Amino acid sequence: MDAATKAIARSPEMYRASWKDRRRVPLKGFSYFLVYFVNGDTVVVTGCFHTSRNPATWKKRGVE
């Protein structure tokens, strides 16, 4: 998880948006990914999800 958060901090737009403005970064060695979005100069991580979960679960997380 540390490697993923450091990669996001260095270059938040490195990972493509997979749904609206939500981006996903895989956690190496695990079947999980972090979901985040960029809000100005701030990166907001909205969750850590298993890759086999229903995408609707992470898509609604953090949506206003």
PDB file of N, CA and C in Angstrom:
ATOM      1  N   MET A   1       0.827  -1.174   0.000  1.00  0.00           N
ATOM      2  CA  MET A   1       0.000   0.000   0.000  1.00  0.00           C
ATOM      3  C   MET A   1       0.884   1.256   0.000  1.00  0.00           C
ATOM      4  N   ASP A   2       2.014   1.198   0.687  1.00  0.00           N
ATOM      5  CA  ASP A   2       2.905   2.363   0.704  1.00  0.00           C
ATOM      6  C   ASP A   2       3.384   2.721  -0.697  1.00  0.00           C
ATOM      7  N   ALA A   3       3.753   1.710  -1.476  1.00  0.00           N
ATOM      8  CA  ALA A   3       4.223   1.965  -2.840  1.00  0.00           C
ATOM      9  C   ALA A   3       3.121   2.603  -3.684  1.00  0.00           C
ATOM     10  N   ALA A   4       1.899   2.144  -3.516  1.00  0.00           N
ATOM     11  CA  ALA A   4       0.773   2.689  -4.291  1.00  0.00           C
ATOM     12  C   ALA A   4       0.501   4.141  -3.913  1.00  0.00           C
ATOM     13  N   THR A   5       0.487   4.441  -2.622  1.00  0.00           N
ATOM     14  CA  THR A   5       0.210   5.824  -2.201  1.00  0.00           C
ATOM     15  C   THR A   5       1.340   6.761  -2.598  1.00  0.00           C
ATOM     16  N   LYS A   6       2.579   6.272  -2.573  1.00  0.00           N
ATOM     17  CA  LYS A   6       3.704   7.109  -3.018  1.00  0.00           C
ATOM     18  C   LYS A   6       3.621   7.378  -4.521  1.00  0.00           C
ATOM     19  N   ALA A   7       3.216   6.372  -5.287  1.00  0.00           N
ATOM     20  CA  ALA A   7       3.068   6.547  -6.738  1.00  0.00           C
ATOM     21  C   ALA A   7       1.967   7.563  -7.042  1.00  0.00           C
ATOM     22  N   ILE A   8       0.872   7.492  -6.300  1.00  0.00           N
ATOM     23  CA  ILE A   8      -0.220   8.454  -6.489  1.00  0.00           C
ATOM     24  C   ILE A   8       0.248   9.853  -6.133  1.00  0.00           C
ATOM     25  N   ALA A   9       0.990   9.985  -5.028  1.00  0.00           N
ATOM     26  CA  ALA A   9       1.468  11.303  -4.597  1.00  0.00           C
ATOM     27  C   ALA A   9       2.424  11.913  -5.620  1.00  0.00           C
ATOM     28  N   ARG A  10       3.288  11.087  -6.226  1.00  0.00           N
ATOM     29  CA  ARG A  10       4.243  11.587  -7.224  1.00  0.00           C
ATOM     30  C   ARG A  10       3.553  12.034  -8.501  1.00  0.00           C
ATOM     31  N   SER A  11       2.596  11.244  -8.949  1.00  0.00           N
ATOM     32  CA  SER A  11       1.941  11.526 -10.226  1.00  0.00           C
ATOM     33  C   SER A  11       0.500  11.027 -10.183  1.00  0.00           C
ATOM     34  N   PRO A  12      -0.404  11.829  -9.620  1.00  0.00           N
ATOM     35  CA  PRO A  12      -1.778  11.369  -9.433  1.00  0.00           C
ATOM     36  C   PRO A  12      -2.531  11.031 -10.715  1.00  0.00           C
ATOM     37  N   GLU A  13      -2.127  11.577 -11.836  1.00  0.00           N
ATOM     38  CA  GLU A  13      -2.838  11.311 -13.075  1.00  0.00           C
ATOM     39  C   GLU A  13      -2.176  10.209 -13.901  1.00  0.00           C
ATOM     40  N   MET A  14      -1.217   9.500 -13.285  1.00  0.00           N
ATOM     41  CA  MET A  14      -0.521   8.413 -13.968  1.00  0.00           C
ATOM     42  C   MET A  14      -1.496   7.281 -14.314  1.00  0.00           C
ATOM     43  N   TYR A  15      -2.463   7.035 -13.450  1.00  0.00           N
ATOM     44  CA  TYR A  15      -3.442   5.973 -13.685  1.00  0.00           C
ATOM     45  C   TYR A  15      -4.664   6.577 -14.353  1.00  0.00           C
ATOM     46  N   ARG A  16      -5.176   5.905 -15.362  1.00  0.00           N
ATOM     47  CA  ARG A  16      -6.296   6.461 -16.115  1.00  0.00           C
ATOM     48  C   ARG A  16      -7.586   6.391 -15.296  1.00  0.00           C
ATOM     49  N   ALA A  17      -8.480   7.295 -15.601  1.00  0.00           N
ATOM     50  CA  ALA A  17      -9.792   7.292 -14.948  1.00  0.00           C
ATOM     51  C   ALA A  17     -10.576   6.097 -15.472  1.00  0.00           C
ATOM     52  N   SER A  18     -11.080   5.286 -14.556  1.00  0.00           N
ATOM     53  CA  SER A  18     -11.810   4.091 -14.980  1.00  0.00           C
ATOM     54  C   SER A  18     -13.315   4.265 -14.875  1.00  0.00           C
ATOM     55  N   TRP A  19     -13.753   5.263 -14.136  1.00  0.00           N
ATOM     56  CA  TRP A  19     -15.178   5.568 -14.049  1.00  0.00           C
ATOM     57  C   TRP A  19     -15.304   7.010 -13.597  1.00  0.00           C
ATOM     58  N   LYS A  20     -15.905   7.845 -14.428  1.00  0.00           N
ATOM     59  CA  LYS A  20     -15.989   9.285 -14.190  1.00  0.00           C
ATOM     60  C   LYS A  20     -14.594   9.796 -13.860  1.00  0.00           C
ATOM     61  N   ASP A  21     -14.403  10.394 -12.694  1.00  0.00           N
ATOM     62  CA  ASP A  21     -13.079  10.910 -12.328  1.00  0.00           C
ATOM     63  C   ASP A  21     -12.337   9.973 -11.386  1.00  0.00           C
ATOM     64  N   ARG A  22     -12.873   8.772 -11.169  1.00  0.00           N
ATOM     65  CA  ARG A  22     -12.260   7.807 -10.247  1.00  0.00           C
ATOM     66  C   ARG A  22     -11.139   7.049 -10.946  1.00  0.00           C
ATOM     67  N   ARG A  23     -10.046   6.912 -10.252  1.00  0.00           N
ATOM     68  CA  ARG A  23      -8.886   6.196 -10.771  1.00  0.00           C
ATOM     69  C   ARG A  23      -8.593   5.013  -9.863  1.00  0.00           C
ATOM     70  N   ARG A  24      -7.967   3.983 -10.420  1.00  0.00           N
ATOM     71  CA  ARG A  24      -7.648   2.791  -9.639  1.00  0.00           C
ATOM     72  C   ARG A  24      -6.164   2.498  -9.760  1.00  0.00           C
ATOM     73  N   VAL A  25      -5.553   2.172  -8.643  1.00  0.00           N
ATOM     74  CA  VAL A  25      -4.157   1.753  -8.638  1.00  0.00           C
ATOM     75  C   VAL A  25      -4.092   0.367  -7.991  1.00  0.00           C
ATOM     76  N   PRO A  26      -3.526  -0.617  -8.708  1.00  0.00           N
ATOM     77  CA  PRO A  26      -3.456  -1.970  -8.141  1.00  0.00           C
ATOM     78  C   PRO A  26      -2.404  -2.044  -7.039  1.00  0.00           C
ATOM     79  N   LEU A  27      -2.639  -2.904  -6.064  1.00  0.00           N
ATOM     80  CA  LEU A  27      -1.669  -3.155  -5.005  1.00  0.00           C
ATOM     81  C   LEU A  27      -0.875  -4.394  -5.407  1.00  0.00           C
ATOM     82  N   LYS A  28       0.390  -4.221  -5.665  1.00  0.00           N
ATOM     83  CA  LYS A  28       1.230  -5.325  -6.152  1.00  0.00           C
ATOM     84  C   LYS A  28       1.253  -6.477  -5.161  1.00  0.00           C
ATOM     85  N   GLY A  29       1.064  -7.663  -5.706  1.00  0.00           N
ATOM     86  CA  GLY A  29       1.101  -8.872  -4.893  1.00  0.00           C
ATOM     87  C   GLY A  29      -0.212  -9.205  -4.214  1.00  0.00           C
ATOM     88  N   PHE A  30      -1.230  -8.372  -4.409  1.00  0.00           N
ATOM     89  CA  PHE A  30      -2.535  -8.588  -3.787  1.00  0.00           C
ATOM     90  C   PHE A  30      -3.625  -8.410  -4.834  1.00  0.00           C
ATOM     91  N   SER A  31      -4.786  -8.955  -4.568  1.00  0.00           N
ATOM     92  CA  SER A  31      -5.927  -8.808  -5.472  1.00  0.00           C
ATOM     93  C   SER A  31      -6.804  -7.639  -5.038  1.00  0.00           C
ATOM     94  N   TYR A  32      -6.157  -6.513  -4.747  1.00  0.00           N
ATOM     95  CA  TYR A  32      -6.860  -5.316  -4.289  1.00  0.00           C
ATOM     96  C   TYR A  32      -6.399  -4.117  -5.098  1.00  0.00           C
ATOM     97  N   PHE A  33      -7.210  -3.071  -5.080  1.00  0.00           N
ATOM     98  CA  PHE A  33      -6.818  -1.812  -5.680  1.00  0.00           C
ATOM     99  C   PHE A  33      -7.359  -0.662  -4.841  1.00  0.00           C
ATOM    100  N   LEU A  34      -6.664   0.475  -4.919  1.00  0.00           N
ATOM    101  CA  LEU A  34      -7.131   1.698  -4.274  1.00  0.00           C
ATOM    102  C   LEU A  34      -7.913   2.497  -5.293  1.00  0.00           C
ATOM    103  N   VAL A  35      -9.001   3.089  -4.855  1.00  0.00           N
ATOM    104  CA  VAL A  35      -9.791   3.982  -5.706  1.00  0.00           C
ATOM    105  C   VAL A  35      -9.586   5.390  -5.164  1.00  0.00           C
ATOM    106  N   TYR A  36      -9.314   6.318  -6.066  1.00  0.00           N
ATOM    107  CA  TYR A  36      -9.062   7.696  -5.647  1.00  0.00           C
ATOM    108  C   TYR A  36      -9.511   8.665  -6.731  1.00  0.00           C
ATOM    109  N   PHE A  37      -9.585   9.934  -6.343  1.00  0.00           N
ATOM    110  CA  PHE A  37      -9.812  10.984  -7.319  1.00  0.00           C
ATOM    111  C   PHE A  37      -8.998  12.201  -6.920  1.00  0.00           C
ATOM    112  N   VAL A  38      -8.760  13.072  -7.889  1.00  0.00           N
ATOM    113  CA  VAL A  38      -7.970  14.278  -7.669  1.00  0.00           C
ATOM    114  C   VAL A  38      -8.931  15.452  -7.576  1.00  0.00           C
ATOM    115  N   ASN A  39      -8.781  16.238  -6.517  1.00  0.00           N
ATOM    116  CA  ASN A  39      -9.611  17.417  -6.291  1.00  0.00           C
ATOM    117  C   ASN A  39      -8.672  18.601  -6.106  1.00  0.00           C
ATOM    118  N   GLY A  40      -8.355  19.278  -7.203  1.00  0.00           N
ATOM    119  CA  GLY A  40      -7.393  20.372  -7.149  1.00  0.00           C
ATOM    120  C   GLY A  40      -6.002  19.833  -6.838  1.00  0.00           C
ATOM    121  N   ASP A  41      -5.425  20.273  -5.718  1.00  0.00           N
ATOM    122  CA  ASP A  41      -4.102  19.800  -5.295  1.00  0.00           C
ATOM    123  C   ASP A  41      -4.194  18.643  -4.318  1.00  0.00           C
ATOM    124  N   THR A  42      -5.389  18.126  -4.102  1.00  0.00           N
ATOM    125  CA  THR A  42      -5.608  17.078  -3.109  1.00  0.00           C
ATOM    126  C   THR A  42      -5.991  15.770  -3.779  1.00  0.00           C
ATOM    127  N   VAL A  43      -5.426  14.680  -3.287  1.00  0.00           N
ATOM    128  CA  VAL A  43      -5.801  13.340  -3.732  1.00  0.00           C
ATOM    129  C   VAL A  43      -6.655  12.726  -2.636  1.00  0.00           C
ATOM    130  N   VAL A  44      -7.837  12.264  -3.001  1.00  0.00           N
ATOM    131  CA  VAL A  44      -8.771  11.670  -2.036  1.00  0.00           C
ATOM    132  C   VAL A  44      -8.899  10.183  -2.340  1.00  0.00           C
ATOM    133  N   VAL A  45      -8.429   9.348  -1.412  1.00  0.00           N
ATOM    134  CA  VAL A  45      -8.573   7.904  -1.554  1.00  0.00           C
ATOM    135  C   VAL A  45      -9.924   7.535  -0.959  1.00  0.00           C
ATOM    136  N   THR A  46     -10.777   6.907  -1.781  1.00  0.00           N
ATOM    137  CA  THR A  46     -12.137   6.604  -1.326  1.00  0.00           C
ATOM    138  C   THR A  46     -12.316   5.168  -0.884  1.00  0.00           C
ATOM    139  N   GLY A  47     -11.328   4.308  -1.154  1.00  0.00           N
ATOM    140  CA  GLY A  47     -11.472   2.947  -0.676  1.00  0.00           C
ATOM    141  C   GLY A  47     -10.412   2.006  -1.198  1.00  0.00           C
ATOM    142  N   CYS A  48     -10.381   0.842  -0.591  1.00  0.00           N
ATOM    143  CA  CYS A  48      -9.514  -0.255  -0.991  1.00  0.00           C
ATOM    144  C   CYS A  48     -10.434  -1.452  -1.216  1.00  0.00           C
ATOM    145  N   PHE A  49     -10.436  -1.980  -2.439  1.00  0.00           N
ATOM    146  CA  PHE A  49     -11.401  -2.999  -2.801  1.00  0.00           C
ATOM    147  C   PHE A  49     -10.740  -4.238  -3.377  1.00  0.00           C
ATOM    148  N   HIS A  50     -11.353  -5.383  -3.140  1.00  0.00           N
ATOM    149  CA  HIS A  50     -10.918  -6.632  -3.757  1.00  0.00           C
ATOM    150  C   HIS A  50     -11.371  -6.621  -5.206  1.00  0.00           C
ATOM    151  N   THR A  51     -10.556  -7.154  -6.080  1.00  0.00           N
ATOM    152  CA  THR A  51     -10.853  -7.096  -7.512  1.00  0.00           C
ATOM    153  C   THR A  51     -12.082  -7.901  -7.915  1.00  0.00           C
ATOM    154  N   SER A  52     -12.520  -8.835  -7.077  1.00  0.00           N
ATOM    155  CA  SER A  52     -13.698  -9.629  -7.437  1.00  0.00           C
ATOM    156  C   SER A  52     -15.008  -9.015  -6.952  1.00  0.00           C
ATOM    157  N   ARG A  53     -14.947  -7.874  -6.253  1.00  0.00           N
ATOM    158  CA  ARG A  53     -16.169  -7.230  -5.769  1.00  0.00           C
ATOM    159  C   ARG A  53     -16.939  -6.590  -6.906  1.00  0.00           C
ATOM    160  N   ASN A  54     -18.206  -6.407  -6.677  1.00  0.00           N
ATOM    161  CA  ASN A  54     -19.082  -5.766  -7.651  1.00  0.00           C
ATOM    162  C   ASN A  54     -18.617  -4.321  -7.871  1.00  0.00           C
ATOM    163  N   PRO A  55     -18.360  -3.905  -9.113  1.00  0.00           N
ATOM    164  CA  PRO A  55     -17.903  -2.541  -9.376  1.00  0.00           C
ATOM    165  C   PRO A  55     -18.854  -1.461  -8.866  1.00  0.00           C
ATOM    166  N   ALA A  56     -20.123  -1.755  -8.754  1.00  0.00           N
ATOM    167  CA  ALA A  56     -21.073  -0.760  -8.244  1.00  0.00           C
ATOM    168  C   ALA A  56     -20.716  -0.330  -6.829  1.00  0.00           C
ATOM    169  N   THR A  57     -20.091  -1.213  -6.081  1.00  0.00           N
ATOM    170  CA  THR A  57     -19.703  -0.899  -4.700  1.00  0.00           C
ATOM    171  C   THR A  57     -18.691   0.231  -4.658  1.00  0.00           C
ATOM    172  N   TRP A  58     -17.633   0.140  -5.459  1.00  0.00           N
ATOM    173  CA  TRP A  58     -16.630   1.186  -5.401  1.00  0.00           C
ATOM    174  C   TRP A  58     -17.016   2.419  -6.215  1.00  0.00           C
ATOM    175  N   LYS A  59     -17.867   2.248  -7.208  1.00  0.00           N
ATOM    176  CA  LYS A  59     -18.261   3.392  -8.026  1.00  0.00           C
ATOM    177  C   LYS A  59     -19.084   4.398  -7.235  1.00  0.00           C
ATOM    178  N   LYS A  60     -19.880   3.937  -6.290  1.00  0.00           N
ATOM    179  CA  LYS A  60     -20.700   4.886  -5.529  1.00  0.00           C
ATOM    180  C   LYS A  60     -19.962   5.481  -4.338  1.00  0.00           C
ATOM    181  N   ARG A  61     -18.792   4.958  -4.013  1.00  0.00           N
ATOM    182  CA  ARG A  61     -18.040   5.446  -2.868  1.00  0.00           C
ATOM    183  C   ARG A  61     -17.501   6.853  -3.135  1.00  0.00           C
ATOM    184  N   GLY A  62     -17.811   7.760  -2.277  1.00  0.00           N
ATOM    185  CA  GLY A  62     -17.275   9.106  -2.375  1.00  0.00           C
ATOM    186  C   GLY A  62     -17.923   9.977  -3.424  1.00  0.00           C
ATOM    187  N   VAL A  63     -19.024   9.543  -3.984  1.00  0.00           N
ATOM    188  CA  VAL A  63     -19.707  10.346  -5.002  1.00  0.00           C
ATOM    189  C   VAL A  63     -20.715  11.246  -4.296  1.00  0.00           C
ATOM    190  N   GLU A  64     -20.607  12.544  -4.560  1.00  0.00           N
ATOM    191  CA  GLU A  64     -21.533  13.487  -3.937  1.00  0.00           C
ATOM    192  C   GLU A  64     -22.845  13.502  -4.665  1.00  0.00           C
TER     193      GLU A  64
END
